[in-house]
Amino acid sequence: MPEPRFLLLSDVAAELNVSDSQVYHMVRSGELPAIKIGGRGQWRVERTTLEKYIEEKYAETAAWVRDNPLADREPE
């Protein structure tokens, strides 16, 4: 069975190991693109969008680490 194209916010939360409310905030703030579907307006995140978001976060983290070295720490 192929993976679903769209994920529930609870699925995204499990994937990122964060709370459902954190994912809801990420979606509502526009940090994580999502769509609202159905009469009740349920949020869905496309799997490829989540993967792109994760890649962007890796790049942001790498830039932050590069720009904030641990100068006072000896190498292990």
PDB file of N, CA and C in Angstrom:
ATOM      1  N   MET A   1       0.832  -1.170   0.000  1.00  0.00           N
ATOM      2  CA  MET A   1       0.000   0.000   0.000  1.00  0.00           C
ATOM      3  C   MET A   1       0.890   1.252   0.000  1.00  0.00           C
ATOM      4  N   PRO A   2       0.696   2.164  -0.935  1.00  0.00           N
ATOM      5  CA  PRO A   2       1.541   3.359  -0.982  1.00  0.00           C
ATOM      6  C   PRO A   2       1.264   4.296   0.190  1.00  0.00           C
ATOM      7  N   GLU A   3       2.260   5.098   0.510  1.00  0.00           N
ATOM      8  CA  GLU A   3       2.082   6.080   1.577  1.00  0.00           C
ATOM      9  C   GLU A   3       1.078   7.131   1.130  1.00  0.00           C
ATOM     10  N   PRO A   4       0.269   7.626   2.051  1.00  0.00           N
ATOM     11  CA  PRO A   4      -0.700   8.660   1.673  1.00  0.00           C
ATOM     12  C   PRO A   4       0.012   9.949   1.272  1.00  0.00           C
ATOM     13  N   ARG A   5      -0.588  10.664   0.331  1.00  0.00           N
ATOM     14  CA  ARG A   5      -0.019  11.930  -0.117  1.00  0.00           C
ATOM     15  C   ARG A   5      -0.123  13.000   0.973  1.00  0.00           C
ATOM     16  N   PHE A   6      -1.256  13.001   1.695  1.00  0.00           N
ATOM     17  CA  PHE A   6      -1.493  14.015   2.717  1.00  0.00           C
ATOM     18  C   PHE A   6      -1.487  13.384   4.101  1.00  0.00           C
ATOM     19  N   LEU A   7      -0.968  14.140   5.062  1.00  0.00           N
ATOM     20  CA  LEU A   7      -0.853  13.674   6.441  1.00  0.00           C
ATOM     21  C   LEU A   7      -1.747  14.492   7.360  1.00  0.00           C
ATOM     22  N   LEU A   8      -2.300  13.835   8.371  1.00  0.00           N
ATOM     23  CA  LEU A   8      -2.999  14.520   9.450  1.00  0.00           C
ATOM     24  C   LEU A   8      -1.963  15.281  10.277  1.00  0.00           C
ATOM     25  N   LEU A   9      -2.405  16.316  10.984  1.00  0.00           N
ATOM     26  CA  LEU A   9      -1.476  17.035  11.849  1.00  0.00           C
ATOM     27  C   LEU A   9      -0.894  16.110  12.916  1.00  0.00           C
ATOM     28  N   SER A  10      -1.674  15.157  13.371  1.00  0.00           N
ATOM     29  CA  SER A  10      -1.168  14.204  14.366  1.00  0.00           C
ATOM     30  C   SER A  10      -0.069  13.320  13.772  1.00  0.00           C
ATOM     31  N   ASP A  11      -0.179  12.996  12.486  1.00  0.00           N
ATOM     32  CA  ASP A  11       0.878  12.229  11.813  1.00  0.00           C
ATOM     33  C   ASP A  11       2.159  13.053  11.708  1.00  0.00           C
ATOM     34  N   VAL A  12       2.005  14.332  11.376  1.00  0.00           N
ATOM     35  CA  VAL A  12       3.156  15.231  11.288  1.00  0.00           C
ATOM     36  C   VAL A  12       3.809  15.354  12.661  1.00  0.00           C
ATOM     37  N   ALA A  13       2.999  15.506  13.700  1.00  0.00           N
ATOM     38  CA  ALA A  13       3.525  15.608  15.057  1.00  0.00           C
ATOM     39  C   ALA A  13       4.327  14.369  15.429  1.00  0.00           C
ATOM     40  N   ALA A  14       3.812  13.208  15.086  1.00  0.00           N
ATOM     41  CA  ALA A  14       4.526  11.962  15.379  1.00  0.00           C
ATOM     42  C   ALA A  14       5.835  11.890  14.595  1.00  0.00           C
ATOM     43  N   GLU A  15       5.796  12.321  13.355  1.00  0.00           N
ATOM     44  CA  GLU A  15       6.990  12.297  12.505  1.00  0.00           C
ATOM     45  C   GLU A  15       8.080  13.215  13.053  1.00  0.00           C
ATOM     46  N   LEU A  16       7.692  14.381  13.546  1.00  0.00           N
ATOM     47  CA  LEU A  16       8.647  15.353  14.071  1.00  0.00           C
ATOM     48  C   LEU A  16       8.917  15.177  15.568  1.00  0.00           C
ATOM     49  N   ASN A  17       8.173  14.288  16.212  1.00  0.00           N
ATOM     50  CA  ASN A  17       8.301  14.029  17.639  1.00  0.00           C
ATOM     51  C   ASN A  17       8.047  15.305  18.453  1.00  0.00           C
ATOM     52  N   VAL A  18       6.948  15.979  18.097  1.00  0.00           N
ATOM     53  CA  VAL A  18       6.487  17.170  18.820  1.00  0.00           C
ATOM     54  C   VAL A  18       5.004  16.986  19.114  1.00  0.00           C
ATOM     55  N   SER A  19       4.419  17.923  19.834  1.00  0.00           N
ATOM     56  CA  SER A  19       2.998  17.802  20.170  1.00  0.00           C
ATOM     57  C   SER A  19       2.118  18.220  18.997  1.00  0.00           C
ATOM     58  N   ASP A  20       0.880  17.756  19.024  1.00  0.00           N
ATOM     59  CA  ASP A  20      -0.103  18.155  18.021  1.00  0.00           C
ATOM     60  C   ASP A  20      -0.291  19.668  18.025  1.00  0.00           C
ATOM     61  N   SER A  21      -0.302  20.266  19.218  1.00  0.00           N
ATOM     62  CA  SER A  21      -0.511  21.712  19.306  1.00  0.00           C
ATOM     63  C   SER A  21       0.661  22.485  18.701  1.00  0.00           C
ATOM     64  N   GLN A  22       1.859  21.961  18.802  1.00  0.00           N
ATOM     65  CA  GLN A  22       3.006  22.617  18.179  1.00  0.00           C
ATOM     66  C   GLN A  22       2.861  22.618  16.657  1.00  0.00           C
ATOM     67  N   VAL A  23       2.423  21.500  16.111  1.00  0.00           N
ATOM     68  CA  VAL A  23       2.225  21.416  14.656  1.00  0.00           C
ATOM     69  C   VAL A  23       1.098  22.350  14.239  1.00  0.00           C
ATOM     70  N   TYR A  24       0.030  22.389  15.003  1.00  0.00           N
ATOM     71  CA  TYR A  24      -1.080  23.295  14.690  1.00  0.00           C
ATOM     72  C   TYR A  24      -0.575  24.741  14.645  1.00  0.00           C
ATOM     73  N   HIS A  25       0.241  25.133  15.598  1.00  0.00           N
ATOM     74  CA  HIS A  25       0.791  26.481  15.624  1.00  0.00           C
ATOM     75  C   HIS A  25       1.686  26.723  14.400  1.00  0.00           C
ATOM     76  N   MET A  26       2.497  25.745  14.022  1.00  0.00           N
ATOM     77  CA  MET A  26       3.369  25.871  12.857  1.00  0.00           C
ATOM     78  C   MET A  26       2.539  26.087  11.592  1.00  0.00           C
ATOM     79  N   VAL A  27       1.430  25.377  11.487  1.00  0.00           N
ATOM     80  CA  VAL A  27       0.555  25.505  10.324  1.00  0.00           C
ATOM     81  C   VAL A  27      -0.165  26.852  10.343  1.00  0.00           C
ATOM     82  N   ARG A  28      -0.746  27.209  11.481  1.00  0.00           N
ATOM     83  CA  ARG A  28      -1.505  28.463  11.581  1.00  0.00           C
ATOM     84  C   ARG A  28      -0.617  29.697  11.386  1.00  0.00           C
ATOM     85  N   SER A  29       0.642  29.606  11.767  1.00  0.00           N
ATOM     86  CA  SER A  29       1.558  30.735  11.611  1.00  0.00           C
ATOM     87  C   SER A  29       2.127  30.822  10.202  1.00  0.00           C
ATOM     88  N   GLY A  30       1.942  29.767   9.417  1.00  0.00           N
ATOM     89  CA  GLY A  30       2.472  29.748   8.061  1.00  0.00           C
ATOM     90  C   GLY A  30       3.866  29.158   7.963  1.00  0.00           C
ATOM     91  N   GLU A  31       4.432  28.765   9.089  1.00  0.00           N
ATOM     92  CA  GLU A  31       5.773  28.171   9.079  1.00  0.00           C
ATOM     93  C   GLU A  31       5.792  26.864   8.281  1.00  0.00           C
ATOM     94  N   LEU A  32       4.743  26.077   8.445  1.00  0.00           N
ATOM     95  CA  LEU A  32       4.615  24.802   7.724  1.00  0.00           C
ATOM     96  C   LEU A  32       3.385  24.890   6.818  1.00  0.00           C
ATOM     97  N   PRO A  33       3.591  24.918   5.508  1.00  0.00           N
ATOM     98  CA  PRO A  33       2.449  25.020   4.597  1.00  0.00           C
ATOM     99  C   PRO A  33       1.508  23.823   4.726  1.00  0.00           C
ATOM    100  N   ALA A  34       0.214  24.115   4.678  1.00  0.00           N
ATOM    101  CA  ALA A  34      -0.811  23.074   4.786  1.00  0.00           C
ATOM    102  C   ALA A  34      -2.066  23.560   4.066  1.00  0.00           C
ATOM    103  N   ILE A  35      -3.024  22.655   3.904  1.00  0.00           N
ATOM    104  CA  ILE A  35      -4.306  23.014   3.302  1.00  0.00           C
ATOM    105  C   ILE A  35      -5.422  22.620   4.258  1.00  0.00           C
ATOM    106  N   LYS A  36      -6.546  23.304   4.101  1.00  0.00           N
ATOM    107  CA  LYS A  36      -7.759  22.953   4.850  1.00  0.00           C
ATOM    108  C   LYS A  36      -8.707  22.303   3.853  1.00  0.00           C
ATOM    109  N   ILE A  37      -9.251  21.159   4.242  1.00  0.00           N
ATOM    110  CA  ILE A  37     -10.162  20.452   3.352  1.00  0.00           C
ATOM    111  C   ILE A  37     -11.424  20.052   4.104  1.00  0.00           C
ATOM    112  N   GLY A  38     -12.450  19.756   3.340  1.00  0.00           N
ATOM    113  CA  GLY A  38     -13.689  19.255   3.921  1.00  0.00           C
ATOM    114  C   GLY A  38     -14.519  20.347   4.565  1.00  0.00           C
ATOM    115  N   GLY A  39     -15.747  19.999   4.868  1.00  0.00           N
ATOM    116  CA  GLY A  39     -16.686  20.933   5.466  1.00  0.00           C
ATOM    117  C   GLY A  39     -16.270  21.421   6.835  1.00  0.00           C
ATOM    118  N   ARG A  40     -15.515  20.608   7.547  1.00  0.00           N
ATOM    119  CA  ARG A  40     -15.065  21.004   8.891  1.00  0.00           C
ATOM    120  C   ARG A  40     -13.703  21.678   8.857  1.00  0.00           C
ATOM    121  N   GLY A  41     -13.131  21.826   7.660  1.00  0.00           N
ATOM    122  CA  GLY A  41     -11.842  22.502   7.523  1.00  0.00           C
ATOM    123  C   GLY A  41     -10.701  21.816   8.232  1.00  0.00           C
ATOM    124  N   GLN A  42     -10.530  20.540   7.971  1.00  0.00           N
ATOM    125  CA  GLN A  42      -9.454  19.790   8.608  1.00  0.00           C
ATOM    126  C   GLN A  42      -8.143  20.053   7.879  1.00  0.00           C
ATOM    127  N   TRP A  43      -7.097  20.253   8.660  1.00  0.00           N
ATOM    128  CA  TRP A  43      -5.783  20.544   8.102  1.00  0.00           C
ATOM    129  C   TRP A  43      -5.105  19.283   7.593  1.00  0.00           C
ATOM    130  N   ARG A  44      -4.383  19.433   6.476  1.00  0.00           N
ATOM    131  CA  ARG A  44      -3.573  18.347   5.922  1.00  0.00           C
ATOM    132  C   ARG A  44      -2.258  18.935   5.438  1.00  0.00           C
ATOM    133  N   VAL A  45      -1.192  18.173   5.622  1.00  0.00           N
ATOM    134  CA  VAL A  45       0.132  18.560   5.157  1.00  0.00           C
ATOM    135  C   VAL A  45       0.579  17.529   4.126  1.00  0.00           C
ATOM    136  N   GLU A  46       0.990  18.022   2.977  1.00  0.00           N
ATOM    137  CA  GLU A  46       1.454  17.105   1.939  1.00  0.00           C
ATOM    138  C   GLU A  46       2.805  16.529   2.353  1.00  0.00           C
ATOM    139  N   ARG A  47       2.976  15.236   2.139  1.00  0.00           N
ATOM    140  CA  ARG A  47       4.200  14.542   2.555  1.00  0.00           C
ATOM    141  C   ARG A  47       5.445  15.223   1.974  1.00  0.00           C
ATOM    142  N   THR A  48       5.403  15.583   0.695  1.00  0.00           N
ATOM    143  CA  THR A  48       6.570  16.230   0.079  1.00  0.00           C
ATOM    144  C   THR A  48       6.850  17.592   0.713  1.00  0.00           C
ATOM    145  N   THR A  49       5.819  18.294   1.141  1.00  0.00           N
ATOM    146  CA  THR A  49       5.989  19.578   1.818  1.00  0.00           C
ATOM    147  C   THR A  49       6.672  19.377   3.161  1.00  0.00           C
ATOM    148  N   LEU A  50       6.287  18.331   3.885  1.00  0.00           N
ATOM    149  CA  LEU A  50       6.930  18.030   5.163  1.00  0.00           C
ATOM    150  C   LEU A  50       8.398  17.702   4.958  1.00  0.00           C
ATOM    151  N   GLU A  51       8.717  16.902   3.951  1.00  0.00           N
ATOM    152  CA  GLU A  51      10.117  16.550   3.681  1.00  0.00           C
ATOM    153  C   GLU A  51      10.933  17.791   3.326  1.00  0.00           C
ATOM    154  N   LYS A  52      10.362  18.697   2.547  1.00  0.00           N
ATOM    155  CA  LYS A  52      11.038  19.942   2.193  1.00  0.00           C
ATOM    156  C   LYS A  52      11.251  20.790   3.443  1.00  0.00           C
ATOM    157  N   TYR A  53      10.241  20.860   4.303  1.00  0.00           N
ATOM    158  CA  TYR A  53      10.339  21.604   5.555  1.00  0.00           C
ATOM    159  C   TYR A  53      11.498  21.060   6.405  1.00  0.00           C
ATOM    160  N   ILE A  54      11.600  19.752   6.507  1.00  0.00           N
ATOM    161  CA  ILE A  54      12.675  19.130   7.294  1.00  0.00           C
ATOM    162  C   ILE A  54      14.033  19.484   6.698  1.00  0.00           C
ATOM    163  N   GLU A  55      14.171  19.405   5.383  1.00  0.00           N
ATOM    164  CA  GLU A  55      15.429  19.771   4.725  1.00  0.00           C
ATOM    165  C   GLU A  55      15.795  21.226   5.016  1.00  0.00           C
ATOM    166  N   GLU A  56      14.804  22.123   4.966  1.00  0.00           N
ATOM    167  CA  GLU A  56      15.052  23.533   5.256  1.00  0.00           C
ATOM    168  C   GLU A  56      15.515  23.718   6.696  1.00  0.00           C
ATOM    169  N   LYS A  57      14.931  22.971   7.619  1.00  0.00           N
ATOM    170  CA  LYS A  57      15.324  23.077   9.024  1.00  0.00           C
ATOM    171  C   LYS A  57      16.751  22.574   9.233  1.00  0.00           C
ATOM    172  N   TYR A  58      17.152  21.518   8.507  1.00  0.00           N
ATOM    173  CA  TYR A  58      18.544  21.054   8.575  1.00  0.00           C
ATOM    174  C   TYR A  58      19.478  22.158   8.099  1.00  0.00           C
ATOM    175  N   ALA A  59      19.135  22.825   6.992  1.00  0.00           N
ATOM    176  CA  ALA A  59      19.977  23.898   6.448  1.00  0.00           C
ATOM    177  C   ALA A  59      20.049  25.070   7.425  1.00  0.00           C
ATOM    178  N   GLU A  60      18.902  25.456   8.009  1.00  0.00           N
ATOM    179  CA  GLU A  60      18.894  26.543   8.995  1.00  0.00           C
ATOM    180  C   GLU A  60      19.747  26.197  10.205  1.00  0.00           C
ATOM    181  N   THR A  61      19.650  24.960  10.669  1.00  0.00           N
ATOM    182  CA  THR A  61      20.418  24.533  11.834  1.00  0.00           C
ATOM    183  C   THR A  61      21.903  24.522  11.519  1.00  0.00           C
ATOM    184  N   ALA A  62      22.278  24.031  10.333  1.00  0.00           N
ATOM    185  CA  ALA A  62      23.694  24.015   9.938  1.00  0.00           C
ATOM    186  C   ALA A  62      24.252  25.435   9.878  1.00  0.00           C
ATOM    187  N   ALA A  63      23.487  26.375   9.342  1.00  0.00           N
ATOM    188  CA  ALA A  63      23.925  27.771   9.274  1.00  0.00           C
ATOM    189  C   ALA A  63      24.071  28.347  10.679  1.00  0.00           C
ATOM    190  N   TRP A  64      23.126  28.031  11.559  1.00  0.00           N
ATOM    191  CA  TRP A  64      23.193  28.526  12.931  1.00  0.00           C
ATOM    192  C   TRP A  64      24.431  27.979  13.639  1.00  0.00           C
ATOM    193  N   VAL A  65      24.696  26.689  13.471  1.00  0.00           N
ATOM    194  CA  VAL A  65      25.864  26.071  14.108  1.00  0.00           C
ATOM    195  C   VAL A  65      27.145  26.703  13.571  1.00  0.00           C
ATOM    196  N   ARG A  66      27.194  26.921  12.259  1.00  0.00           N
ATOM    197  CA  ARG A  66      28.363  27.551  11.638  1.00  0.00           C
ATOM    198  C   ARG A  66      28.584  28.967  12.189  1.00  0.00           C
ATOM    199  N   ASP A  67      27.504  29.708  12.373  1.00  0.00           N
ATOM    200  CA  ASP A  67      27.604  31.096  12.825  1.00  0.00           C
ATOM    201  C   ASP A  67      27.725  31.249  14.336  1.00  0.00           C
ATOM    202  N   ASN A  68      27.555  30.157  15.080  1.00  0.00           N
ATOM    203  CA  ASN A  68      27.626  30.185  16.543  1.00  0.00           C
ATOM    204  C   ASN A  68      28.520  29.070  17.055  1.00  0.00           C
ATOM    205  N   PRO A  69      29.819  29.158  16.764  1.00  0.00           N
ATOM    206  CA  PRO A  69      30.717  28.058  17.169  1.00  0.00           C
ATOM    207  C   PRO A  69      30.891  28.002  18.684  1.00  0.00           C
ATOM    208  N   LEU A  70      31.245  26.840  19.137  1.00  0.00           N
ATOM    209  CA  LEU A  70      31.531  26.642  20.566  1.00  0.00           C
ATOM    210  C   LEU A  70      33.021  26.933  20.769  1.00  0.00           C
ATOM    211  N   ALA A  71      33.363  28.195  20.811  1.00  0.00           N
ATOM    212  CA  ALA A  71      34.764  28.615  20.887  1.00  0.00           C
ATOM    213  C   ALA A  71      35.438  28.209  22.195  1.00  0.00           C
ATOM    214  N   ASP A  72      34.676  28.173  23.267  1.00  0.00           N
ATOM    215  CA  ASP A  72      35.268  27.885  24.560  1.00  0.00           C
ATOM    216  C   ASP A  72      35.273  26.388  24.892  1.00  0.00           C
ATOM    217  N   ARG A  73      34.863  25.561  23.941  1.00  0.00           N
ATOM    218  CA  ARG A  73      34.794  24.120  24.186  1.00  0.00           C
ATOM    219  C   ARG A  73      35.912  23.412  23.429  1.00  0.00           C
ATOM    220  N   GLU A  74      36.585  22.497  24.135  1.00  0.00           N
ATOM    221  CA  GLU A  74      37.656  21.717  23.495  1.00  0.00           C
ATOM    222  C   GLU A  74      37.035  20.608  22.658  1.00  0.00           C
ATOM    223  N   PRO A  75      37.683  20.268  21.528  1.00  0.00           N
ATOM    224  CA  PRO A  75      37.162  19.165  20.698  1.00  0.00           C
ATOM    225  C   PRO A  75      37.173  17.848  21.467  1.00  0.00           C
ATOM    226  N   GLU A  76      36.218  17.020  21.170  1.00  0.00           N
ATOM    227  CA  GLU A  76      36.133  15.719  21.873  1.00  0.00           C
ATOM    228  C   GLU A  76      36.926  14.666  21.153  1.00  0.00           C
TER     229      GLU A  76
END
